[in-house]
Each structure stands twice: as structure tokens, then as C-alpha cells.
Protein backbone atom coordinates (compact mmCIF):
# COMPACT_ATOMS: atom_id res chain seq x y z
CA MET A 1 0.23 -0.46 0.09
CA LYS A 2 1.86 3.15 -1.32
CA PHE A 3 -0.35 5.67 1.68
CA GLU A 4 -0.99 4.52 5.30
CA ILE A 5 -3.17 6.16 7.78
CA GLY A 6 -2.49 9.80 8.86
CA ASP A 7 -0.36 10.59 5.72
CA LYS A 8 -0.63 13.68 3.82
CA ILE A 9 -2.35 13.38 0.03
CA LEU A 10 -2.87 16.41 -2.85
CA LEU A 11 -6.44 15.48 -4.64
CA LEU A 12 -4.72 16.04 -8.42
CA HIS A 13 -8.12 17.43 -10.09
CA SER A 14 -8.53 19.96 -7.17
CA LYS A 15 -5.07 20.56 -5.47
CA GLU A 16 -6.52 20.40 -2.59
CA GLU A 17 -4.63 18.70 0.63
CA GLY A 18 -6.16 16.43 3.25
CA THR A 19 -4.99 13.34 5.22
CA VAL A 20 -5.72 9.42 4.71
CA VAL A 21 -8.35 8.68 8.01
CA ASP A 22 -9.06 4.94 7.07
CA ILE A 23 -7.54 2.35 3.97
CA ILE A 24 -10.53 0.61 2.42
CA ASN A 25 -8.41 -1.78 0.65
CA ASN A 26 -6.06 -2.06 -2.04
CA ASP A 27 -7.55 0.77 -4.63
CA MET A 28 -9.55 2.95 -2.30
CA VAL A 29 -8.46 5.21 1.40
CA MET A 30 -10.81 7.33 2.52
CA VAL A 31 -9.41 11.04 3.44
CA GLU A 32 -10.40 13.97 5.16
CA VAL A 33 -9.85 17.46 3.09
CA GLY A 34 -10.94 20.62 5.48
CA LYS A 35 -14.03 18.88 7.57
CA VAL A 36 -15.38 16.36 4.74
CA THR A 37 -14.33 12.40 4.73
CA PHE A 38 -14.94 11.09 1.53
CA PRO A 39 -13.70 8.29 -0.45
CA VAL A 40 -11.04 8.19 -3.60
CA TYR A 41 -9.48 6.09 -5.80
CA LEU A 42 -5.65 6.13 -5.53
CA ASP A 43 -4.78 7.35 -9.13
CA GLN A 44 -6.72 10.63 -7.88
CA ILE A 45 -4.27 11.62 -5.37
CA ASP A 46 -0.66 11.98 -4.62
CA PHE A 47 1.86 13.00 -1.94
CA PRO A 48 1.36 17.01 -2.17
CA TYR A 49 5.14 17.22 -1.66
CA PHE A 50 6.42 17.48 -5.20
CA HIS A 51 3.52 19.79 -5.55
CA ARG A 52 4.57 22.13 -3.36
CA PHE A 53 8.17 22.58 -4.39
CA THR A 54 7.36 22.48 -7.88
CA ASN A 55 4.86 24.69 -8.46
CA PRO A 56 6.36 28.54 -8.54
CA LYS A 57 4.66 30.76 -6.19
CA PRO A 58 2.11 33.40 -7.31
CA ALA A 59 4.04 36.72 -7.82
CA PRO A 60 2.76 39.56 -5.17
CA PRO A 61 -0.31 41.63 -6.62
CA PRO A 62 0.86 45.25 -7.29
CA PRO A 63 0.22 47.49 -4.70
CA GLN A 64 -2.96 49.47 -5.31
CA GLN A 65 -3.48 53.11 -6.04
CA ARG A 66 -5.56 54.77 -3.39
CA ILE A 67 -8.70 56.13 -4.18
CA GLN A 68 -11.47 57.86 -2.46
CA GLY A 69 -13.53 56.69 0.24
CA TYR A 70 -16.77 56.18 -1.88
CA ASP A 71 -15.04 54.33 -4.33
CA ILE A 72 -13.80 51.70 -1.93
CA LYS A 73 -15.79 48.07 -2.34
CA PRO A 74 -17.37 46.98 1.26
CA GLU A 75 -14.85 44.38 2.35
CA LYS A 76 -16.85 40.52 2.41
CA LYS A 77 -17.36 39.79 5.74
CA LYS A 78 -15.45 36.67 7.04
CA TYR A 79 -18.15 34.68 7.99
CA GLU A 80 -19.85 34.61 4.65
CA ASP A 81 -16.67 32.41 2.94
CA ASN A 82 -17.91 29.89 5.65
CA ILE A 83 -21.62 29.35 5.08
CA ARG A 84 -22.45 25.96 3.69
CA MET A 85 -25.46 25.69 1.85
CA SER A 86 -28.35 23.11 2.98
CA ARG A 87 -28.56 20.51 0.16
CA GLY A 88 -30.41 17.51 1.87
CA MET A 89 -29.99 14.27 3.42
CA PHE A 90 -28.46 11.76 0.93
CA LEU A 91 -27.56 8.24 1.48
CA SER A 92 -23.70 7.31 -0.10
CA ILE A 93 -23.50 4.00 -1.56
CA LEU A 94 -19.23 3.00 -1.54
CA PRO A 95 -19.00 -0.03 -3.59
CA VAL A 96 -16.12 -2.55 -2.32
CA PHE A 97 -14.76 -4.62 -5.25
CA ARG A 98 -12.21 -7.56 -4.96
CA LEU A 99 -10.18 -8.99 -7.49
CA ASP A 100 -11.16 -12.40 -8.80
CA ALA A 101 -8.55 -13.57 -11.62
CA TYR A 102 -7.71 -10.37 -14.06
CA GLU A 103 -11.61 -8.90 -13.08
CA GLU A 104 -13.24 -7.28 -10.29
CA HIS A 105 -16.10 -7.68 -8.91
CA VAL A 106 -17.98 -6.16 -5.83
CA GLN A 107 -17.93 -7.65 -3.01
CA SER A 108 -20.43 -5.28 -0.63
CA LEU A 109 -21.59 -1.92 -0.39
CA LYS A 110 -20.87 0.49 2.55
CA PHE A 111 -24.02 2.65 3.65
CA HIS A 112 -22.90 6.14 4.69
CA LEU A 113 -25.73 8.75 5.91
CA LEU A 114 -24.52 12.08 4.55
CA ASN A 115 -26.24 15.02 6.48
CA GLU A 116 -25.82 18.45 4.20
CA THR A 117 -28.13 20.13 6.28
CA SER A 118 -27.07 23.14 9.22
CA GLU A 119 -29.74 20.60 11.14
CA ALA A 120 -29.60 17.50 13.74
CA TYR A 121 -31.53 14.78 13.79
CA ARG A 122 -31.94 11.73 15.13
CA PHE A 123 -32.55 8.25 13.12
CA ASN A 124 -33.68 4.98 13.24
CA PHE A 125 -32.43 3.13 10.26
CA GLN A 126 -33.22 -0.93 9.59
CA VAL A 127 -32.12 -3.27 6.77
CA TRP A 128 -34.77 -5.66 5.90
CA LEU A 129 -34.08 -8.67 3.63
CA ARG A 130 -36.80 -11.10 2.77
CA ASN A 131 -39.58 -9.14 4.82
CA SER A 132 -36.91 -9.74 8.12
CA MET A 133 -35.09 -7.13 9.81
CA GLU A 134 -31.21 -7.89 10.01
CA MET A 135 -30.23 -4.76 12.14
CA GLU A 136 -31.41 -1.80 13.59
CA ILE A 137 -29.51 1.28 14.91
CA ARG A 138 -30.77 4.27 16.20
CA ASN A 139 -29.02 7.40 16.62
CA GLU A 140 -28.49 10.83 15.99
CA ILE A 141 -26.30 12.95 12.95
CA GLN A 142 -25.05 16.28 13.23
CA PRO A 143 -24.72 19.48 10.82
CA PHE A 144 -22.82 18.70 8.12
CA SER A 145 -21.09 15.15 8.91
CA ASN A 146 -21.65 12.15 8.24
CA PHE A 147 -22.52 8.28 9.76
CA TYR A 148 -21.34 4.58 9.32
CA LEU A 149 -24.65 2.95 8.75
CA SER A 150 -23.75 -0.80 7.54
CA ASP A 151 -22.31 -3.07 5.08
CA LEU A 152 -24.95 -5.01 2.99
CA MET A 153 -23.49 -7.88 0.43
CA PHE A 154 -23.95 -7.77 -2.74
CA GLU A 155 -25.27 -11.10 -3.15
CA SER A 156 -27.89 -10.04 -0.83
CA LEU A 157 -29.34 -7.86 -3.18
CA ASN A 158 -31.00 -11.45 -4.36
CA ASP A 159 -33.38 -10.99 -0.99
CA SER A 160 -35.49 -8.44 -1.73
CA PRO A 161 -33.30 -5.62 0.57
CA ARG A 162 -34.84 -2.86 1.77
CA LEU A 163 -33.57 0.35 3.78
CA GLU A 164 -36.27 2.12 6.15
CA PHE A 165 -35.01 5.23 7.63
CA VAL A 166 -37.35 7.40 10.34
CA PHE A 167 -35.95 10.66 10.72
CA PHE A 168 -36.83 12.86 13.88
CA PRO A 169 -35.79 16.43 14.62
CA LYS A 170 -33.03 16.91 17.16
CA GLU A 171 -34.69 20.03 18.12
CA LYS A 172 -37.99 20.66 19.11
CA ASN A 173 -39.87 22.87 16.43
CA ASP A 174 -43.57 23.22 15.97
CA LYS A 175 -43.08 24.23 11.90
CA LEU A 176 -41.35 20.56 11.23
CA ALA A 177 -43.48 17.28 10.96
CA PRO A 178 -42.59 15.47 14.19
CA SER A 179 -41.37 12.39 11.67
CA PHE A 180 -40.17 11.18 8.37
CA PRO A 181 -40.26 7.92 7.14
CA LYS A 182 -38.01 7.08 3.54
CA THR A 183 -37.41 3.72 2.03
CA TRP A 184 -35.24 3.11 -0.36
CA LYS A 185 -35.63 -0.74 -2.13
CA PRO A 186 -32.21 -1.47 -4.09
CA LYS A 187 -33.04 -3.13 -8.01
CA ALA A 188 -30.03 -5.68 -8.33
CA LYS A 189 -30.04 -4.98 -12.10
CA GLN A 190 -30.55 -1.14 -12.21
CA LEU A 191 -28.00 -0.76 -9.22
CA PHE A 192 -25.15 -3.28 -10.98
CA LEU A 193 -25.54 -0.52 -14.23
CA GLN A 194 -24.99 2.32 -11.95
CA LEU A 195 -21.66 0.25 -10.42
CA SER A 196 -20.71 0.01 -14.11
CA GLU A 197 -20.96 3.54 -14.84
CA LEU A 198 -19.15 4.14 -11.61
CA GLN A 199 -16.56 1.88 -12.83
CA ALA A 200 -16.26 3.95 -16.39
CA ARG A 201 -16.48 7.63 -14.47
CA ARG A 202 -13.59 6.68 -11.77
CA ASP A 203 -15.87 8.04 -9.34
CA ALA A 204 -15.97 6.23 -6.02
CA THR A 205 -19.68 6.50 -4.67
CA LEU A 206 -23.20 6.58 -5.77
CA THR A 207 -26.03 8.86 -3.83
CA GLN A 208 -29.75 8.38 -2.83
CA VAL A 209 -31.85 11.73 -1.83
CA LEU A 210 -33.49 10.79 1.14
CA PHE A 211 -35.30 14.46 1.19
CA GLU A 212 -33.61 17.90 0.07
CA LYS A 213 -35.66 19.90 2.74
CA TYR A 214 -37.22 18.14 5.83
CA PRO A 215 -40.76 18.50 5.68
CA GLU A 216 -43.32 20.56 7.37
CA LYS A 217 -46.18 20.42 9.54
CA SER A 218 -49.30 19.67 8.31
CA LYS A 219 -52.85 18.84 9.66
CA ASN A 220 -52.47 15.30 7.95
CA ASP A 221 -49.61 14.19 9.67
CA LYS A 222 -50.16 10.88 11.79
CA PRO A 223 -48.52 10.17 14.98
CA TYR A 224 -45.54 8.90 15.49
CA PHE A 225 -45.03 4.89 15.02
CA ASP A 226 -42.73 2.16 16.76
CA PRO A 227 -39.56 2.06 14.82
CA SER A 228 -39.88 -1.68 14.86
CA SER A 229 -43.15 -1.70 12.83
CA VAL A 230 -41.77 0.57 10.02
CA GLY A 231 -40.44 -2.33 8.04
CA ALA A 232 -43.94 -4.07 8.67
CA PHE A 233 -45.96 -1.34 7.56
CA ALA A 234 -43.75 -1.11 4.77
CA ALA A 235 -44.29 -4.32 3.47
CA GLY A 236 -48.08 -4.09 3.54
CA ASN A 237 -48.84 -5.03 7.00
CA ALA A 238 -50.06 -1.83 8.06
CA GLY A 239 -53.85 -3.17 8.62
CA SER A 240 -52.64 -5.98 10.73
CA GLY A 241 -53.43 -3.52 13.73
CA PRO A 242 -53.55 0.02 15.34
CA ALA A 243 -50.66 2.36 14.97
CA VAL A 244 -49.12 3.00 18.27
CA GLN A 245 -48.02 6.16 19.42
CA VAL A 246 -44.52 7.32 21.12
CA GLN A 247 -42.38 9.63 21.79
CA PRO A 248 -39.07 10.28 20.93
CA GLU A 249 -36.30 8.26 23.07
CA ALA A 250 -35.32 9.96 26.28
CA PRO A 251 -31.33 11.40 25.95
CA GLN A 252 -28.87 8.46 27.33
CA GLN A 253 -26.37 8.67 29.41
CA PRO A 254 -23.03 7.78 28.85
CA LYS A 255 -21.51 4.48 30.25
CA TYR A 256 -18.31 4.02 32.20
CA GLU A 257 -18.00 0.20 31.08
CA LEU A 258 -19.70 -0.60 27.76
CA ASP A 259 -20.07 -4.81 27.27
CA LEU A 260 -19.64 -4.82 23.22
CA HIS A 261 -20.45 -8.78 23.33
CA ILE A 262 -23.12 -9.22 20.72
CA GLU A 263 -25.69 -11.01 22.89
CA GLN A 264 -25.59 -8.03 25.04
CA LEU A 265 -26.32 -5.75 22.64
CA VAL A 266 -29.17 -7.73 20.34
CA LYS A 267 -31.44 -10.51 21.51
CA GLU A 268 -32.04 -12.19 18.01
CA TRP A 269 -28.28 -12.25 17.04
CA LYS A 270 -27.75 -16.30 15.97
CA GLY A 271 -28.43 -15.40 12.60
CA LEU A 272 -26.13 -12.16 11.77
CA LYS A 273 -23.16 -12.75 9.78
CA ASN A 274 -20.12 -11.57 10.88
CA ILE A 275 -19.88 -7.74 8.94
CA GLU A 276 -23.26 -7.49 10.52
CA ILE A 277 -22.18 -7.82 13.97
CA LEU A 278 -18.96 -5.95 13.48
CA ALA A 279 -21.57 -2.96 12.63
CA ILE A 280 -23.45 -3.10 15.31
CA GLN A 281 -20.68 -3.13 17.63
CA LEU A 282 -18.71 -0.68 16.64
CA ASN A 283 -21.72 1.89 16.00
CA GLU A 284 -22.76 1.19 19.73
CA PHE A 285 -19.08 1.67 20.59
CA VAL A 286 -18.88 5.35 18.36
CA HIS A 287 -22.36 6.35 20.05
CA TYR A 288 -20.84 5.51 23.92
CA MET A 289 -17.89 7.08 22.88
CA GLU A 290 -19.35 10.55 22.00
CA LEU A 291 -21.55 10.31 24.62
CA ALA A 292 -18.12 9.89 27.16
CA ILE A 293 -16.93 12.97 25.22
CA ALA A 294 -20.12 15.14 25.44
CA HIS A 295 -20.58 14.95 28.97
CA HIS A 296 -17.28 15.20 29.73
CA GLN A 297 -16.82 11.59 31.07
CA HIS A 298 -12.56 11.44 32.71
CA SER A 299 -12.21 7.36 31.18
CA MET A 300 -14.07 4.49 29.65
CA ILE A 301 -13.91 0.61 29.69
CA VAL A 302 -14.97 -0.76 26.44
CA ILE A 303 -15.06 -4.83 26.85
CA HIS A 304 -14.67 -6.15 23.29
CA GLY A 305 -13.05 -10.12 24.08
CA VAL A 306 -9.99 -11.35 22.53
CA GLY A 307 -10.78 -13.71 19.65
CA LYS A 308 -9.67 -12.99 16.12
CA GLY A 309 -9.04 -8.67 16.92
CA LYS A 310 -10.68 -7.52 14.31
CA LEU A 311 -13.36 -5.75 16.56
CA LYS A 312 -10.33 -4.39 19.05
CA ASP A 313 -8.38 -3.33 15.97
CA GLU A 314 -11.45 -1.49 14.30
CA ILE A 315 -11.96 0.27 17.84
CA HIS A 316 -8.41 1.45 18.18
CA ALA A 317 -8.52 2.76 15.11
CA ILE A 318 -11.23 4.69 15.78
CA LEU A 319 -9.86 6.18 19.15
CA ARG A 320 -6.29 7.29 17.02
CA ASP A 321 -8.32 9.62 14.92
CA THR A 322 -10.75 11.33 17.35
CA PRO A 323 -9.92 14.37 19.34
CA GLY A 324 -11.64 13.88 21.87
CA VAL A 325 -9.26 10.98 23.30
CA GLU A 326 -5.95 11.77 24.87
CA ARG A 327 -4.92 8.20 24.74
CA PHE A 328 -6.24 4.30 25.36
CA VAL A 329 -4.21 1.34 27.13
CA ASN A 330 -5.11 -2.20 25.95
CA GLU A 331 -3.19 -4.19 29.00
CA TYR A 332 -3.89 -7.37 31.31
CA HIS A 333 -6.79 -6.80 33.85
CA PRO A 334 -7.71 -9.12 36.64
CA ARG A 335 -11.19 -8.57 35.89
CA TYR A 336 -10.70 -8.61 31.80
CA GLY A 337 -7.92 -9.95 30.84
CA TYR A 338 -6.98 -8.69 27.44
CA GLY A 339 -10.43 -8.28 26.26
CA ALA A 340 -10.75 -5.05 27.53
CA THR A 341 -9.14 -1.44 26.12
CA GLU A 342 -9.79 1.91 28.79
CA ILE A 343 -9.78 5.00 27.06
CA PHE A 344 -8.45 8.31 29.09
CA PHE A 345 -10.50 11.60 27.22
CA ARG A 346 -9.55 15.23 27.21
CA HIS A 347 -10.82 17.96 29.42
């Protein structure tokens, strides 16, 4: 691999500099430019040092002549340059390829939620295969940020997949709808054509619009539905019983000890695939780590077990890229052995 996590890079098409924050596979890495994180192919980036030394410095501008005060144009305020336009909420689909002989084949799809708005939202996310819920995530997403949701094996497109979303405004707003459900059903043939076009364009991700603007409240708004029943309604079972009115969940409190064994997180876990289990564990970890940082917690112990070390490695990679983490240790503990990591946060 030419690049490693933490390397400085240069985007060849825009000459912007960024940092490698994750290694996706042998052909792609995740980079951060400014405050935006996105995947790129290796042939779209390079080290910035050659460009810095070979690119001539621009000549200084000629001195301006003094003009009368009424001719001076008003100076733009600095904050105007930092205003970001709200574009909406999107589902980003990153295909992960594997090399089979001399051909590349799509192995899985990585889903990220992109919030390109100035508002924060709570959301419920479910993956359904053959009208059976495979996984569920309940969390929140901050303005102009992204959130990793899950992976879906490419062969699962034959199982009638369905991605269910329900969005809630984080801050109470009587002008907005209390909830907004959205369903996306990927079609194997259509998605395969889009991925072929994606490779031809040498782009990294597909984007699906979930909403451009969160809907306003109307008289016909229905009460909240229990998020666990969203998939059943979408599957055509809406008439099987009365709607259940619930309120948004109360804010969760941080934990000083977080057990990530899957049986502690999900009741029906035996049918889950390893990649789905890992996604659930990592989302639970990130959620409680962010809670701990927000509540100025001094430290936290994460129980990840020993096993093959995949979960531990992923957790440690996240901790290295989290500014709120001062240090972490994975040493022998009389209670956990080597199956836990203690995290110390910055104050």
C-alpha cells in the first residue's frame, strides 16, 4: 500500500490537500479534506510535497492606488466565506471490490448517511431482507457530517433488500413534521448498471437522495409509529393492528463500562453475519464514546473480547482519529484479561 493512515495527500483534480484517515482496500482510501471525509481511488491522489516544491509561487499583486473613500468596495465579512449551503439528506453507497483473476467484482456495499443540512436529526435505520429485519440502528447525526450505517453483501441484492429510515428533528420545532419516514429498495439490475457507470467515470460512490428539505408540519401528519414496526408497514402489514403512538427516546447517559459482546446488544443475533455483527458493535461503541466526550467523562472501559482481534483493531483505529481521546491502553486486567481497552478523554 502506497499510503498509510495519517499521510498527507493532494487531490490531483482540485489540488486540495488532505489526510488519509482509513484504508478501504488496495485501490481506495478514505481521506479528510477540511472537515469533509470521502473515499477516493489511489490514482486520484498523490503526495503533496512534489507539488509544493515544483509549483511556482504566485507573484505578489501590484500595489493598489489610493482611491477616494466612496469608491472603496465594502469588504466581505469573513463568516460569509464559511457559510455552507443546505443540500439535504443523502445515502452514500460505496462499493467494495475484490479482484478475481483479472476482473474486479463487487464484494459488498458500504452505506453512509450524509447530512448536508444545518440541522441535527435523530434517526432510526433498519435493514430488511426477505421481509425480515436483519439489523437496526438508533442514533443521531450532526449538521454537515456523515455517519457509517452498515455493510451489505452484494449477493444480498437477491433477497429483496429494503432500507428503512425514520428521521426526527433533534431540537423541538412546532413548524416541522414530528417524523419523516423514507424507504429505499435497491434493484439488483438497476444498481449493477449504476455501478458499471461508476467504474467508467472513475467515481467512488453512488448517492441516493433521502430528502432535500425536511417537511413542514401539516394537519394530516400521523402520530409517531414504533420504529420497530416501520418495516412491517412498508411490507404491506399496515392493516394488521392500530398504530402505536410513542415519543422520541429520552437522551441516553454515558457508560463507564461498555460491553460490546453481541449477545449484550441484540437479542436475536445468531442469524447475523460477521460483518453485520461488527457494524452493530462499532456503532454502539461510537455512540457511547461520543456520549462520554459530550458529558466530559474522564475515562471509559470498552469490553471487546479477545477473539481474532478484528473488533479491537477497529476500535483502536477509531480512537486514534478521535481528537477527544487523550490516550488508551489494552493491558492485562484481572477482571477482563486482555479483552478490554481503557480510554482516557481530554478535558
